[in-house]
Amino acid sequence: MSRLAGFTYREVARKLRTFGFAFDRQGPGSHEIWRQEATGRKVTIPHHARDMAEGTLRAILREAGIDVSAFLKA
């Protein structure tokens, strides 16, 4: 199992809040747009009941400008 496998929406949202992101608006379907006030960066997060796929989480972190090791420590 990879380091980024097994994270739920709730865990990812909690960690993004520690980096200054907050819910901005509802996106298409079951997705949400989160925004970081300081930089204006926006990320789209799927709001599903199941665990987030590793590739999806990596794409969210890349879009947010967050290093994987920093995300895991948060």
C-alpha atoms as a PDB file:
ATOM      1  CA  MET A   1       0.000   0.000   0.000  1.00  0.00           C
ATOM      2  CA  SER A   2       1.279   3.447  -0.913  1.00  0.00           C
ATOM      3  CA  ARG A   3       1.802   6.368   1.434  1.00  0.00           C
ATOM      4  CA  LEU A   4      -1.168   8.242  -0.026  1.00  0.00           C
ATOM      5  CA  ALA A   5      -3.604   5.343  -0.149  1.00  0.00           C
ATOM      6  CA  GLY A   6      -6.552   5.044   2.223  1.00  0.00           C
ATOM      7  CA  PHE A   7      -7.402   8.709   2.878  1.00  0.00           C
ATOM      8  CA  THR A   8     -11.085   9.625   3.111  1.00  0.00           C
ATOM      9  CA  TYR A   9     -12.632  12.931   2.079  1.00  0.00           C
ATOM     10  CA  ARG A  10     -12.889  13.960   5.724  1.00  0.00           C
ATOM     11  CA  GLU A  11      -9.176  13.349   6.391  1.00  0.00           C
ATOM     12  CA  VAL A  12      -8.111  15.213   3.249  1.00  0.00           C
ATOM     13  CA  ALA A  13     -10.383  18.168   4.088  1.00  0.00           C
ATOM     14  CA  ARG A  14      -8.976  18.360   7.634  1.00  0.00           C
ATOM     15  CA  LYS A  15      -5.391  18.371   6.356  1.00  0.00           C
ATOM     16  CA  LEU A  16      -6.158  20.997   3.684  1.00  0.00           C
ATOM     17  CA  ARG A  17      -7.569  23.271   6.388  1.00  0.00           C
ATOM     18  CA  THR A  18      -4.180  23.185   8.139  1.00  0.00           C
ATOM     19  CA  PHE A  19      -2.656  24.615   4.935  1.00  0.00           C
ATOM     20  CA  GLY A  20      -5.138  27.504   4.869  1.00  0.00           C
ATOM     21  CA  PHE A  21      -7.718  26.088   2.468  1.00  0.00           C
ATOM     22  CA  ALA A  22     -11.434  26.527   3.102  1.00  0.00           C
ATOM     23  CA  PHE A  23     -14.614  25.441   1.338  1.00  0.00           C
ATOM     24  CA  ASP A  24     -15.460  27.989  -1.362  1.00  0.00           C
ATOM     25  CA  ARG A  25     -18.395  26.560  -3.300  1.00  0.00           C
ATOM     26  CA  GLN A  26     -20.047  23.440  -4.623  1.00  0.00           C
ATOM     27  CA  GLY A  27     -18.564  22.182  -7.864  1.00  0.00           C
ATOM     28  CA  PRO A  28     -20.033  19.967 -10.564  1.00  0.00           C
ATOM     29  CA  GLY A  29     -21.696  16.800  -9.282  1.00  0.00           C
ATOM     30  CA  SER A  30     -20.267  15.588  -5.984  1.00  0.00           C
ATOM     31  CA  HIS A  31     -17.182  17.809  -6.109  1.00  0.00           C
ATOM     32  CA  GLU A  32     -16.267  20.835  -4.024  1.00  0.00           C
ATOM     33  CA  ILE A  33     -14.053  23.830  -4.772  1.00  0.00           C
ATOM     34  CA  TRP A  34     -11.705  24.789  -1.940  1.00  0.00           C
ATOM     35  CA  ARG A  35      -9.736  28.048  -1.909  1.00  0.00           C
ATOM     36  CA  GLN A  36      -6.647  29.293  -0.105  1.00  0.00           C
ATOM     37  CA  GLU A  37      -7.211  32.950   0.812  1.00  0.00           C
ATOM     38  CA  ALA A  38      -3.529  33.903   1.068  1.00  0.00           C
ATOM     39  CA  THR A  39      -2.586  32.789  -2.455  1.00  0.00           C
ATOM     40  CA  GLY A  40      -5.945  32.476  -4.219  1.00  0.00           C
ATOM     41  CA  ARG A  41      -5.187  28.864  -5.207  1.00  0.00           C
ATOM     42  CA  LYS A  42      -8.213  26.695  -5.899  1.00  0.00           C
ATOM     43  CA  VAL A  43      -8.497  22.910  -5.747  1.00  0.00           C
ATOM     44  CA  THR A  44     -11.343  20.602  -6.676  1.00  0.00           C
ATOM     45  CA  ILE A  45     -12.033  17.773  -4.226  1.00  0.00           C
ATOM     46  CA  PRO A  46     -14.403  14.855  -4.815  1.00  0.00           C
ATOM     47  CA  HIS A  47     -16.822  14.379  -1.915  1.00  0.00           C
ATOM     48  CA  HIS A  48     -17.337  10.608  -1.952  1.00  0.00           C
ATOM     49  CA  ALA A  49     -17.876   8.082   0.839  1.00  0.00           C
ATOM     50  CA  ARG A  50     -15.087   5.768  -0.307  1.00  0.00           C
ATOM     51  CA  ASP A  51     -11.330   6.268   0.013  1.00  0.00           C
ATOM     52  CA  MET A  52      -9.716   8.694  -2.398  1.00  0.00           C
ATOM     53  CA  ALA A  53      -7.597   7.159  -5.135  1.00  0.00           C
ATOM     54  CA  GLU A  54      -3.865   7.810  -4.818  1.00  0.00           C
ATOM     55  CA  GLY A  55      -3.643   9.481  -8.241  1.00  0.00           C
ATOM     56  CA  THR A  56      -6.539  11.779  -7.404  1.00  0.00           C
ATOM     57  CA  LEU A  57      -4.944  12.813  -4.120  1.00  0.00           C
ATOM     58  CA  ARG A  58      -1.580  13.411  -5.818  1.00  0.00           C
ATOM     59  CA  ALA A  59      -3.305  15.640  -8.392  1.00  0.00           C
ATOM     60  CA  ILE A  60      -5.043  17.611  -5.608  1.00  0.00           C
ATOM     61  CA  LEU A  61      -1.737  18.137  -3.802  1.00  0.00           C
ATOM     62  CA  ARG A  62       0.003  19.193  -7.023  1.00  0.00           C
ATOM     63  CA  GLU A  63      -2.817  21.659  -7.764  1.00  0.00           C
ATOM     64  CA  ALA A  64      -2.617  22.991  -4.186  1.00  0.00           C
ATOM     65  CA  GLY A  65       1.166  23.293  -4.249  1.00  0.00           C
ATOM     66  CA  ILE A  66       1.581  21.001  -1.223  1.00  0.00           C
ATOM     67  CA  ASP A  67       4.483  18.581  -0.896  1.00  0.00           C
ATOM     68  CA  VAL A  68       3.527  14.952  -0.158  1.00  0.00           C
ATOM     69  CA  SER A  69       5.744  14.765   2.937  1.00  0.00           C
ATOM     70  CA  ALA A  70       4.260  18.012   4.302  1.00  0.00           C
ATOM     71  CA  PHE A  71       0.750  16.657   3.722  1.00  0.00           C
ATOM     72  CA  LEU A  72       1.547  13.441   5.575  1.00  0.00           C
ATOM     73  CA  LYS A  73       3.007  15.351   8.550  1.00  0.00           C
ATOM     74  CA  ALA A  74      -0.006  17.701   8.846  1.00  0.00           C
END
